N, C-alpha and C. Protein backbone atom coordinates (compact mmCIF):
# COMPACT_ATOMS: atom_id res chain seq x y z
N MET A 1 17.31 11.04 -2.00
CA MET A 1 17.24 10.00 -2.99
C MET A 1 16.04 8.74 -2.68
N LEU A 2 15.56 8.39 -3.94
CA LEU A 2 14.91 7.35 -3.77
C LEU A 2 14.89 5.87 -3.76
N VAL A 3 13.86 5.26 -3.44
CA VAL A 3 14.57 3.40 -3.53
C VAL A 3 12.89 3.08 -4.04
N GLU A 4 13.57 1.85 -4.97
CA GLU A 4 12.26 1.25 -5.88
C GLU A 4 11.82 0.50 -4.67
N VAL A 5 10.46 0.25 -4.31
CA VAL A 5 9.88 -0.85 -3.40
C VAL A 5 8.82 -1.32 -4.21
N ARG A 6 8.66 -2.70 -3.72
CA ARG A 6 7.30 -3.42 -4.06
C ARG A 6 6.34 -3.67 -3.11
N VAL A 7 5.12 -3.71 -3.18
CA VAL A 7 4.45 -4.91 -2.36
C VAL A 7 4.85 -6.22 -1.99
N GLN A 8 5.53 -6.25 -0.60
CA GLN A 8 5.62 -7.69 -0.22
C GLN A 8 4.52 -8.46 0.23
N SER A 9 3.88 -7.78 1.28
CA SER A 9 2.56 -8.78 1.51
C SER A 9 1.82 -7.36 2.55
N LEU A 10 0.91 -8.39 2.93
CA LEU A 10 -0.26 -7.33 3.70
C LEU A 10 -0.18 -7.90 4.80
N GLY A 11 -0.21 -7.15 6.08
CA GLY A 11 -0.32 -8.00 7.13
C GLY A 11 -1.17 -7.35 8.10
N LEU A 12 -1.84 -7.96 9.29
CA LEU A 12 -2.29 -7.20 10.28
C LEU A 12 -1.88 -7.12 11.49
N ASP A 13 -2.13 -5.50 11.91
CA ASP A 13 -1.43 -5.38 13.57
C ASP A 13 -2.28 -5.79 14.32
N ARG A 14 -2.13 -6.62 14.91
CA ARG A 14 -2.92 -7.47 16.11
C ARG A 14 -3.17 -6.76 16.92
N SER A 15 -2.32 -5.69 17.61
CA SER A 15 -2.71 -4.62 18.63
C SER A 15 -3.69 -3.91 18.24
N SER A 16 -4.14 -3.56 17.31
CA SER A 16 -4.70 -2.48 17.05
C SER A 16 -5.99 -2.81 15.61
N ASP A 17 -5.82 -4.21 15.71
CA ASP A 17 -6.46 -4.66 14.13
C ASP A 17 -6.37 -3.87 12.89
N THR A 18 -5.25 -3.14 12.89
CA THR A 18 -5.44 -2.23 11.52
C THR A 18 -4.48 -3.14 10.62
N PRO A 19 -4.78 -3.00 9.32
CA PRO A 19 -4.42 -3.61 8.26
C PRO A 19 -2.81 -2.85 7.53
N VAL A 20 -1.89 -3.35 7.44
CA VAL A 20 -0.34 -2.81 7.35
C VAL A 20 -0.03 -3.53 5.87
N VAL A 21 0.29 -2.47 5.29
CA VAL A 21 1.09 -2.75 3.57
C VAL A 21 2.40 -2.98 4.08
N ILE A 22 3.19 -3.80 3.80
CA ILE A 22 4.67 -4.60 3.68
C ILE A 22 5.38 -3.52 2.64
N LEU A 23 6.03 -2.54 2.19
CA LEU A 23 6.73 -2.35 1.25
C LEU A 23 8.28 -2.81 1.21
N GLN A 24 8.84 -3.75 0.67
CA GLN A 24 10.03 -4.30 0.52
C GLN A 24 11.12 -3.54 -0.47
N GLU A 25 12.15 -3.06 -0.27
CA GLU A 25 13.30 -2.41 -1.01
C GLU A 25 13.48 -3.68 -2.23
N LEU A 26 13.52 -3.02 -3.67
CA LEU A 26 13.96 -4.27 -4.91
C LEU A 26 15.62 -4.67 -4.50
N GLY A 27 15.86 -5.72 -4.54
CA GLY A 27 17.20 -5.77 -4.42
C GLY A 27 17.63 -5.72 -2.60
N GLY A 28 16.83 -5.39 -1.81
CA GLY A 28 17.37 -5.78 -0.43
C GLY A 28 16.46 -6.14 0.44
N ASP A 29 16.91 -5.95 1.65
CA ASP A 29 15.93 -6.45 2.74
C ASP A 29 14.94 -5.93 3.63
N ARG A 30 15.32 -4.40 3.47
CA ARG A 30 14.70 -3.68 4.50
C ARG A 30 13.15 -3.08 3.77
N VAL A 31 11.94 -3.49 4.92
CA VAL A 31 10.89 -2.81 4.49
C VAL A 31 10.34 -1.84 5.27
N LEU A 32 9.04 -1.12 4.93
CA LEU A 32 9.02 -0.60 5.22
C LEU A 32 7.35 -0.73 5.51
N PRO A 33 6.60 -0.71 6.78
CA PRO A 33 5.27 -1.36 7.20
C PRO A 33 4.55 0.23 7.02
N ILE A 34 3.32 0.53 6.29
CA ILE A 34 2.43 1.47 6.26
C ILE A 34 1.25 1.11 6.94
N TRP A 35 1.08 1.67 8.31
CA TRP A 35 -0.73 1.24 8.42
C TRP A 35 -1.47 1.74 7.53
N ILE A 36 -2.47 1.14 7.00
CA ILE A 36 -3.60 1.60 6.17
C ILE A 36 -5.06 1.18 6.50
N GLY A 37 -6.49 2.02 5.86
CA GLY A 37 -7.70 1.59 6.54
C GLY A 37 -7.97 0.46 5.62
N PRO A 38 -9.04 -0.08 6.32
CA PRO A 38 -9.50 -1.73 5.63
C PRO A 38 -10.04 -1.40 4.24
N SER A 39 -10.61 -0.43 3.67
CA SER A 39 -11.05 -0.26 2.40
C SER A 39 -9.95 -0.48 1.29
N GLU A 40 -9.25 0.04 1.62
CA GLU A 40 -7.89 0.21 1.00
C GLU A 40 -6.96 -1.30 1.09
N ALA A 41 -7.22 -1.54 1.96
CA ALA A 41 -6.31 -2.83 2.41
C ALA A 41 -7.07 -4.18 1.48
N SER A 42 -8.31 -3.72 1.40
CA SER A 42 -9.34 -4.86 0.90
C SER A 42 -8.92 -4.54 -1.02
N ALA A 43 -8.66 -3.31 -1.37
CA ALA A 43 -8.74 -2.76 -2.58
C ALA A 43 -7.20 -3.80 -3.15
N ILE A 44 -6.47 -3.65 -2.08
CA ILE A 44 -5.06 -3.79 -2.46
C ILE A 44 -4.96 -5.49 -2.40
N ALA A 45 -5.81 -6.27 -1.57
CA ALA A 45 -5.81 -7.28 -1.48
C ALA A 45 -6.57 -8.02 -2.71
N MET A 46 -7.23 -7.56 -2.97
CA MET A 46 -8.37 -8.04 -4.43
C MET A 46 -7.48 -8.04 -5.41
N HIS A 47 -6.61 -6.99 -5.61
CA HIS A 47 -5.74 -7.36 -6.64
C HIS A 47 -4.37 -7.86 -6.92
N LEU A 48 -4.06 -8.21 -5.74
CA LEU A 48 -2.85 -9.41 -5.46
C LEU A 48 -3.47 -10.44 -5.81
N ALA A 49 -4.90 -10.56 -5.35
CA ALA A 49 -5.74 -12.30 -5.59
C ALA A 49 -5.79 -12.23 -6.83
N ASP A 50 -5.69 -11.30 -7.82
CA ASP A 50 -6.03 -11.20 -9.75
C ASP A 50 -7.74 -11.19 -9.33
N MET A 51 -8.18 -10.69 -8.18
CA MET A 51 -9.82 -10.75 -8.34
C MET A 51 -10.23 -9.85 -9.35
N GLU A 52 -11.33 -10.22 -10.03
CA GLU A 52 -12.01 -9.27 -10.91
C GLU A 52 -13.61 -9.00 -10.70
N PHE A 53 -14.12 -8.03 -10.98
CA PHE A 53 -15.76 -7.33 -10.63
C PHE A 53 -16.04 -7.07 -11.82
N ALA A 54 -17.57 -7.33 -12.02
CA ALA A 54 -18.24 -6.84 -12.61
C ALA A 54 -18.44 -5.47 -13.24
N ARG A 55 -18.17 -4.89 -12.30
CA ARG A 55 -18.36 -3.08 -11.89
C ARG A 55 -17.19 -2.76 -11.34
N PRO A 56 -16.49 -2.05 -12.05
CA PRO A 56 -15.07 -1.15 -11.68
C PRO A 56 -15.46 -0.54 -10.03
N LEU A 57 -14.38 -0.86 -9.47
CA LEU A 57 -14.49 -0.34 -7.45
C LEU A 57 -13.65 0.96 -7.92
N THR A 58 -13.67 1.64 -6.65
CA THR A 58 -12.95 2.85 -7.01
C THR A 58 -12.01 3.03 -7.27
N HIS A 59 -10.66 2.22 -6.83
CA HIS A 59 -9.43 2.38 -7.78
C HIS A 59 -9.62 2.39 -8.86
N ASP A 60 -10.18 1.29 -9.73
CA ASP A 60 -10.43 1.09 -10.78
C ASP A 60 -10.94 2.21 -12.12
N LEU A 61 -12.10 3.07 -11.13
CA LEU A 61 -12.54 3.92 -11.63
C LEU A 61 -11.52 5.14 -12.07
N VAL A 62 -10.65 5.32 -10.77
CA VAL A 62 -9.65 6.78 -10.79
C VAL A 62 -8.74 6.21 -12.03
N VAL A 63 -8.32 4.80 -12.11
CA VAL A 63 -7.38 4.46 -13.38
C VAL A 63 -8.30 4.63 -15.00
N SER A 64 -9.44 4.21 -15.08
CA SER A 64 -10.48 4.52 -16.06
C SER A 64 -10.26 6.17 -16.33
N VAL A 65 -10.82 6.86 -15.61
CA VAL A 65 -10.95 8.03 -15.90
C VAL A 65 -9.59 9.11 -16.00
N LEU A 66 -8.72 8.48 -15.64
CA LEU A 66 -7.35 9.03 -15.98
C LEU A 66 -7.10 8.58 -17.77
N LYS A 67 -7.47 7.36 -17.89
CA LYS A 67 -6.76 6.82 -18.91
C LYS A 67 -7.50 8.10 -20.00
N GLY A 68 -9.05 7.62 -19.44
CA GLY A 68 -9.98 8.38 -20.59
C GLY A 68 -9.66 10.08 -21.04
N LEU A 69 -9.11 10.58 -20.10
CA LEU A 69 -8.60 11.81 -19.67
C LEU A 69 -7.16 11.85 -20.84
N GLY A 70 -7.21 11.03 -20.98
CA GLY A 70 -5.32 10.51 -21.93
C GLY A 70 -3.93 10.62 -21.01
N GLY A 71 -4.35 10.35 -19.65
CA GLY A 71 -3.31 10.53 -19.00
C GLY A 71 -2.66 9.14 -18.31
N THR A 72 -1.35 9.35 -17.64
CA THR A 72 -1.05 7.81 -17.53
C THR A 72 -0.22 8.19 -15.99
N VAL A 73 -0.10 7.13 -15.29
CA VAL A 73 0.42 6.98 -13.98
C VAL A 73 2.09 7.00 -14.18
N GLN A 74 2.42 7.62 -14.13
CA GLN A 74 4.21 7.42 -13.94
C GLN A 74 5.05 6.85 -12.61
N LYS A 75 4.30 7.16 -11.67
CA LYS A 75 4.85 6.06 -10.64
C LYS A 75 4.41 7.12 -9.18
N VAL A 76 4.60 5.93 -7.92
CA VAL A 76 4.46 6.53 -6.74
C VAL A 76 5.15 6.86 -5.87
N ILE A 77 5.48 7.77 -5.20
CA ILE A 77 6.54 8.16 -4.57
C ILE A 77 6.17 8.47 -2.65
N ILE A 78 6.45 7.65 -1.88
CA ILE A 78 6.25 7.57 -0.78
C ILE A 78 6.91 8.85 0.06
N THR A 79 6.58 9.94 0.38
CA THR A 79 7.72 11.25 0.68
C THR A 79 8.15 11.28 1.88
N ARG A 80 6.81 11.41 2.65
CA ARG A 80 7.74 11.54 4.46
C ARG A 80 6.24 10.98 5.03
N VAL A 81 6.73 10.62 6.78
CA VAL A 81 5.83 10.59 7.33
C VAL A 81 5.79 11.77 8.44
N GLU A 82 4.28 12.32 9.07
CA GLU A 82 4.87 13.35 9.98
C GLU A 82 3.22 13.02 10.75
N LYS A 83 3.73 12.70 12.45
CA LYS A 83 3.24 12.11 13.34
C LYS A 83 2.35 10.84 12.96
N ASN A 84 2.67 9.86 12.60
CA ASN A 84 2.50 8.87 12.17
C ASN A 84 1.82 8.56 11.06
N THR A 85 1.72 9.65 10.09
CA THR A 85 0.86 9.68 9.22
C THR A 85 1.67 9.46 8.15
N TYR A 86 1.31 8.56 7.00
CA TYR A 86 2.44 8.97 5.89
C TYR A 86 1.74 9.61 4.54
N TYR A 87 3.18 9.77 3.80
CA TYR A 87 2.13 11.10 2.72
C TYR A 87 2.77 10.88 1.75
N ALA A 88 2.18 10.69 0.11
CA ALA A 88 2.54 10.42 -1.05
C ALA A 88 2.31 11.02 -2.02
N GLU A 89 2.95 11.04 -3.26
CA GLU A 89 2.66 11.63 -4.55
C GLU A 89 2.57 10.68 -5.64
N LEU A 90 1.17 10.87 -6.33
CA LEU A 90 0.88 10.21 -6.99
C LEU A 90 1.37 10.62 -8.62
N ILE A 91 2.31 10.55 -9.49
CA ILE A 91 3.20 11.30 -10.31
C ILE A 91 2.70 10.86 -11.99
N LEU A 92 1.74 11.93 -12.49
CA LEU A 92 0.71 11.13 -13.51
C LEU A 92 1.61 12.20 -14.90
N GLN A 93 1.28 11.65 -15.94
CA GLN A 93 1.58 12.29 -17.27
C GLN A 93 0.52 12.69 -18.09
N ARG A 94 0.22 13.64 -18.67
CA ARG A 94 -0.71 14.10 -19.48
C ARG A 94 -0.34 15.01 -20.68
N ASN A 95 -0.30 14.69 -21.83
CA ASN A 95 0.15 15.48 -22.68
C ASN A 95 1.31 16.14 -22.78
N GLY A 96 2.48 15.53 -22.32
CA GLY A 96 3.79 15.76 -22.12
C GLY A 96 3.91 16.53 -20.66
N GLU A 97 2.76 16.69 -19.54
CA GLU A 97 2.81 17.61 -18.98
C GLU A 97 3.19 16.74 -17.37
N VAL A 98 3.95 16.78 -16.21
CA VAL A 98 3.92 15.84 -15.52
C VAL A 98 3.51 16.53 -14.27
N ILE A 99 2.26 15.88 -13.68
CA ILE A 99 1.66 16.23 -12.52
C ILE A 99 1.74 15.48 -11.61
N SER A 100 2.05 16.09 -10.47
CA SER A 100 2.36 15.54 -8.96
C SER A 100 0.86 15.83 -8.34
N LEU A 101 0.41 15.01 -7.75
CA LEU A 101 -0.84 15.25 -6.94
C LEU A 101 -0.38 14.31 -5.60
N ASP A 102 -0.64 15.20 -4.62
CA ASP A 102 -0.95 14.32 -2.96
C ASP A 102 -1.78 13.24 -2.54
N ALA A 103 -1.72 12.29 -2.42
CA ALA A 103 -2.34 11.38 -2.35
C ALA A 103 -1.89 10.41 -0.76
N ARG A 104 -2.80 9.54 -0.31
CA ARG A 104 -2.76 8.76 0.66
C ARG A 104 -1.77 7.53 -0.10
N PRO A 105 -0.51 6.60 0.66
CA PRO A 105 0.21 6.18 0.32
C PRO A 105 -1.10 4.78 -0.23
N SER A 106 -1.30 4.63 0.68
CA SER A 106 -2.30 3.25 0.68
C SER A 106 -3.40 3.67 -0.92
N ASP A 107 -3.94 4.88 -1.04
CA ASP A 107 -4.71 4.63 -2.37
C ASP A 107 -3.56 4.74 -3.74
N SER A 108 -2.32 5.67 -3.26
CA SER A 108 -1.17 5.68 -4.33
C SER A 108 -0.99 4.07 -4.85
N ILE A 109 -0.83 3.12 -3.56
CA ILE A 109 -0.50 1.69 -4.05
C ILE A 109 -1.26 1.29 -4.73
N ALA A 110 -2.71 1.47 -4.54
CA ALA A 110 -4.01 0.25 -4.93
C ALA A 110 -3.82 0.70 -6.39
N VAL A 111 -3.73 2.17 -6.73
CA VAL A 111 -3.97 2.66 -8.28
C VAL A 111 -2.74 2.03 -8.67
N ALA A 112 -1.06 1.96 -8.53
CA ALA A 112 -0.37 1.92 -9.04
C ALA A 112 -0.12 -0.06 -9.61
N LEU A 113 -0.51 -0.38 -8.30
CA LEU A 113 -1.12 -1.95 -8.71
C LEU A 113 -1.61 -2.03 -10.16
N ARG A 114 -2.52 -1.43 -10.37
CA ARG A 114 -3.44 -1.68 -11.04
C ARG A 114 -2.77 -1.48 -12.78
N VAL A 115 -1.94 -0.50 -12.70
CA VAL A 115 -1.53 -0.19 -13.85
C VAL A 115 0.07 -0.22 -13.87
N ASP A 116 0.88 -1.21 -12.88
CA ASP A 116 2.13 -1.77 -13.18
C ASP A 116 3.02 -0.64 -12.90
N ALA A 117 2.59 0.65 -12.23
CA ALA A 117 3.39 1.68 -11.94
C ALA A 117 4.61 1.42 -11.29
N ARG A 118 5.35 1.76 -10.87
CA ARG A 118 6.93 1.63 -9.86
C ARG A 118 6.27 2.97 -8.69
N ILE A 119 6.65 2.22 -7.63
CA ILE A 119 6.37 2.65 -6.43
C ILE A 119 8.01 2.96 -5.78
N PHE A 120 8.11 4.31 -5.25
CA PHE A 120 9.31 4.70 -4.59
C PHE A 120 9.50 4.99 -3.22
N ALA A 121 10.18 4.73 -1.90
CA ALA A 121 10.03 5.36 -1.01
C ALA A 121 11.15 6.17 -0.77
N ARG A 122 11.49 7.26 0.12
CA ARG A 122 12.61 7.92 0.13
C ARG A 122 13.54 7.31 0.74
N GLU A 123 15.19 7.15 0.89
CA GLU A 123 15.63 6.86 1.54
C GLU A 123 15.67 6.55 2.64
N ASP A 124 15.15 8.27 3.10
CA ASP A 124 15.45 8.34 5.11
C ASP A 124 13.98 7.45 5.64
N LEU A 125 13.53 7.08 4.86
CA LEU A 125 12.23 6.63 5.50
C LEU A 125 12.36 5.20 5.65
N LEU A 126 12.99 4.68 4.87
CA LEU A 126 13.84 2.90 4.98
C LEU A 126 14.54 3.18 5.78
N GLN A 127 15.33 4.10 6.26
CA GLN A 127 16.26 4.45 7.04
C GLN A 127 16.18 4.20 8.77
N GLN A 128 14.86 5.17 8.76
CA GLN A 128 14.46 5.89 9.92
C GLN A 128 13.10 4.67 10.64
N ASN A 129 12.49 4.01 9.65
CA ASN A 129 11.13 3.66 9.87
C ASN A 129 11.16 1.89 9.28
N SER A 130 11.77 1.40 8.66
CA SER A 130 12.14 0.24 8.31
C SER A 130 12.48 -0.79 9.10
N ILE A 131 11.87 -2.38 9.12
CA ILE A 131 12.22 -3.43 9.88
C ILE A 131 12.96 -4.10 8.91
N GLN A 132 13.45 -5.23 9.27
CA GLN A 132 14.47 -6.15 8.65
C GLN A 132 13.58 -7.50 8.65
N ILE A 133 13.78 -7.85 7.61
CA ILE A 133 13.56 -9.40 7.23
C ILE A 133 14.83 -10.45 7.79
N ALA A 134 13.92 -11.17 8.48
CA ALA A 134 15.19 -12.25 9.10
C ALA A 134 15.09 -13.46 7.65
N ASP A 135 16.36 -13.76 7.84
CA ASP A 135 16.32 -15.06 7.02
C ASP A 135 16.04 -16.17 7.46
N ASP A 136 15.16 -17.19 6.92
CA ASP A 136 14.63 -18.41 7.31
C ASP A 136 14.67 -19.37 6.03
N GLU A 137 15.06 -20.56 6.28
CA GLU A 137 15.13 -21.39 5.32
C GLU A 137 13.74 -21.77 4.70
N SER A 138 13.05 -21.53 5.93
CA SER A 138 11.14 -22.38 5.14
C SER A 138 10.67 -21.20 4.80
N THR A 139 10.81 -19.87 5.54
CA THR A 139 9.70 -18.82 4.82
C THR A 139 10.41 -17.66 5.07
N GLU A 140 10.12 -16.23 4.61
CA GLU A 140 10.27 -14.87 5.14
C GLU A 140 9.59 -14.44 6.53
N SER A 141 10.25 -14.67 7.45
CA SER A 141 9.25 -14.07 8.65
C SER A 141 9.87 -12.54 9.36
N LEU A 142 8.79 -11.47 9.88
CA LEU A 142 9.37 -10.41 10.00
C LEU A 142 10.26 -10.70 11.76
N ARG A 143 11.35 -10.16 12.19
CA ARG A 143 11.70 -10.83 13.70
C ARG A 143 11.25 -10.07 14.41
N GLU A 144 11.72 -9.92 15.94
CA GLU A 144 10.83 -9.96 17.04
C GLU A 144 10.20 -8.67 17.18
N GLU A 145 10.99 -7.27 16.40
CA GLU A 145 9.98 -6.05 16.71
C GLU A 145 8.89 -6.18 15.65
N GLU A 146 8.52 -7.59 14.84
CA GLU A 146 7.48 -7.22 13.74
C GLU A 146 6.19 -6.83 14.40
N PRO A 147 5.52 -5.72 13.35
CA PRO A 147 4.22 -4.86 14.10
C PRO A 147 3.07 -5.61 13.85
N SER A 148 2.96 -6.89 12.62
CA SER A 148 2.06 -7.48 12.58
C SER A 148 2.33 -8.68 12.22
N LYS A 149 1.21 -9.13 12.04
CA LYS A 149 1.61 -10.80 11.54
C LYS A 149 0.97 -10.83 9.60
N VAL A 150 2.10 -11.38 9.35
CA VAL A 150 1.77 -11.15 7.70
C VAL A 150 0.81 -12.17 7.17
N MET A 151 -0.04 -11.47 6.20
CA MET A 151 -1.27 -12.59 6.14
C MET A 151 -1.60 -12.41 4.71
N GLY A 152 -1.92 -14.20 3.99
CA GLY A 152 -1.90 -13.20 2.70
C GLY A 152 -2.74 -12.34 1.87
N PRO A 153 -3.42 -12.74 0.64
CA PRO A 153 -4.42 -11.21 0.50
C PRO A 153 -6.10 -12.20 0.77
N GLU A 154 -5.70 -13.54 0.77
CA GLU A 154 -7.19 -14.29 1.08
C GLU A 154 -7.54 -13.63 2.25
N GLU A 155 -6.38 -14.57 3.35
CA GLU A 155 -6.51 -14.40 4.93
C GLU A 155 -6.97 -13.09 4.97
N LEU A 156 -6.52 -12.01 4.60
CA LEU A 156 -6.84 -10.41 5.02
C LEU A 156 -8.31 -9.99 4.62
N LYS A 157 -8.96 -10.70 3.31
CA LYS A 157 -9.88 -10.57 2.46
C LYS A 157 -10.88 -10.75 3.62
N GLU A 158 -10.58 -12.06 4.12
CA GLU A 158 -11.21 -13.06 5.06
C GLU A 158 -11.91 -12.04 6.19
N HIS A 159 -10.93 -11.54 6.81
CA HIS A 159 -10.69 -10.99 8.09
C HIS A 159 -11.23 -9.40 7.90
N LEU A 160 -11.08 -8.94 6.73
CA LEU A 160 -11.74 -7.28 6.20
C LEU A 160 -13.79 -7.80 6.43
N ARG A 161 -13.93 -8.79 5.51
CA ARG A 161 -15.20 -9.14 5.41
C ARG A 161 -15.31 -9.12 6.90
N ARG A 162 -14.85 -9.97 8.13
CA ARG A 162 -15.81 -9.83 9.43
C ARG A 162 -15.94 -9.27 10.23
N LEU A 163 -14.88 -7.61 9.95
CA LEU A 163 -15.10 -6.45 10.35
C LEU A 163 -16.52 -6.33 10.16
N ASN A 164 -17.01 -5.53 11.57
CA ASN A 164 -18.10 -4.68 11.81
C ASN A 164 -18.26 -3.31 11.57
N PRO A 165 -19.25 -2.74 11.48
CA PRO A 165 -19.12 -1.32 11.26
C PRO A 165 -18.23 -0.32 12.48
N GLU A 166 -18.87 -1.10 13.70
CA GLU A 166 -18.20 -0.66 15.20
C GLU A 166 -17.13 -0.86 15.29
N ASP A 167 -16.39 -1.69 14.73
CA ASP A 167 -14.99 -2.07 15.13
C ASP A 167 -14.16 -0.84 14.94
N PHE A 168 -14.76 0.26 14.23
CA PHE A 168 -13.89 1.24 13.25
C PHE A 168 -14.76 2.46 14.31
N GLY A 169 -14.98 2.48 15.31
CA GLY A 169 -15.46 3.38 16.05
C GLY A 169 -16.20 4.25 15.48
N ARG A 170 -16.36 5.14 16.29
CA ARG A 170 -17.58 6.33 16.29
C ARG A 170 -17.48 7.51 14.92
N PHE A 171 -18.03 8.33 14.27
CA PHE A 171 -17.40 9.08 13.96
C PHE A 171 -18.47 10.51 14.61
N THR A 172 -17.29 11.50 14.82
CA THR A 172 -17.96 12.39 15.43
C THR A 172 -17.24 14.11 14.43
N PRO A 173 -17.89 14.41 13.74
CA PRO A 173 -17.87 15.82 13.13
C PRO A 173 -17.24 17.14 14.12
């Protein structure tokens, strides 16, 4: 079974300085944290902050190419997690044909936000990997098992801007 979710916020896992996108089920309290890369977090944060650029960024380009080819994004489905890696499907439609593409959840979410497509997660992911939102009169906050400090788009953008290439480790093929 699929559960519709929305981007509730972006956070930063302080133990690893890794961005986390927090997906919350519509009409419910469960949230699904997915650790993502800095560039995808930046793309999501920029969209959430309604930032516009003179030239298209990568996810904007994907949307433009898709539209230029006569396709539309129908939805995104977060399908599974294996060895702490989440998987997603980007569901497209073109000329009446439905096409499912394997994609990273972070890229899929960044594209979906740009076209107002719905985002879904499998029910078992929300049951196994979710954290609960605590009720608080002043603000919503994560309970003690929180994996991250929730940041607003501007705070996350500033953190990502301050990162150095060395912060990501050395690539060895």
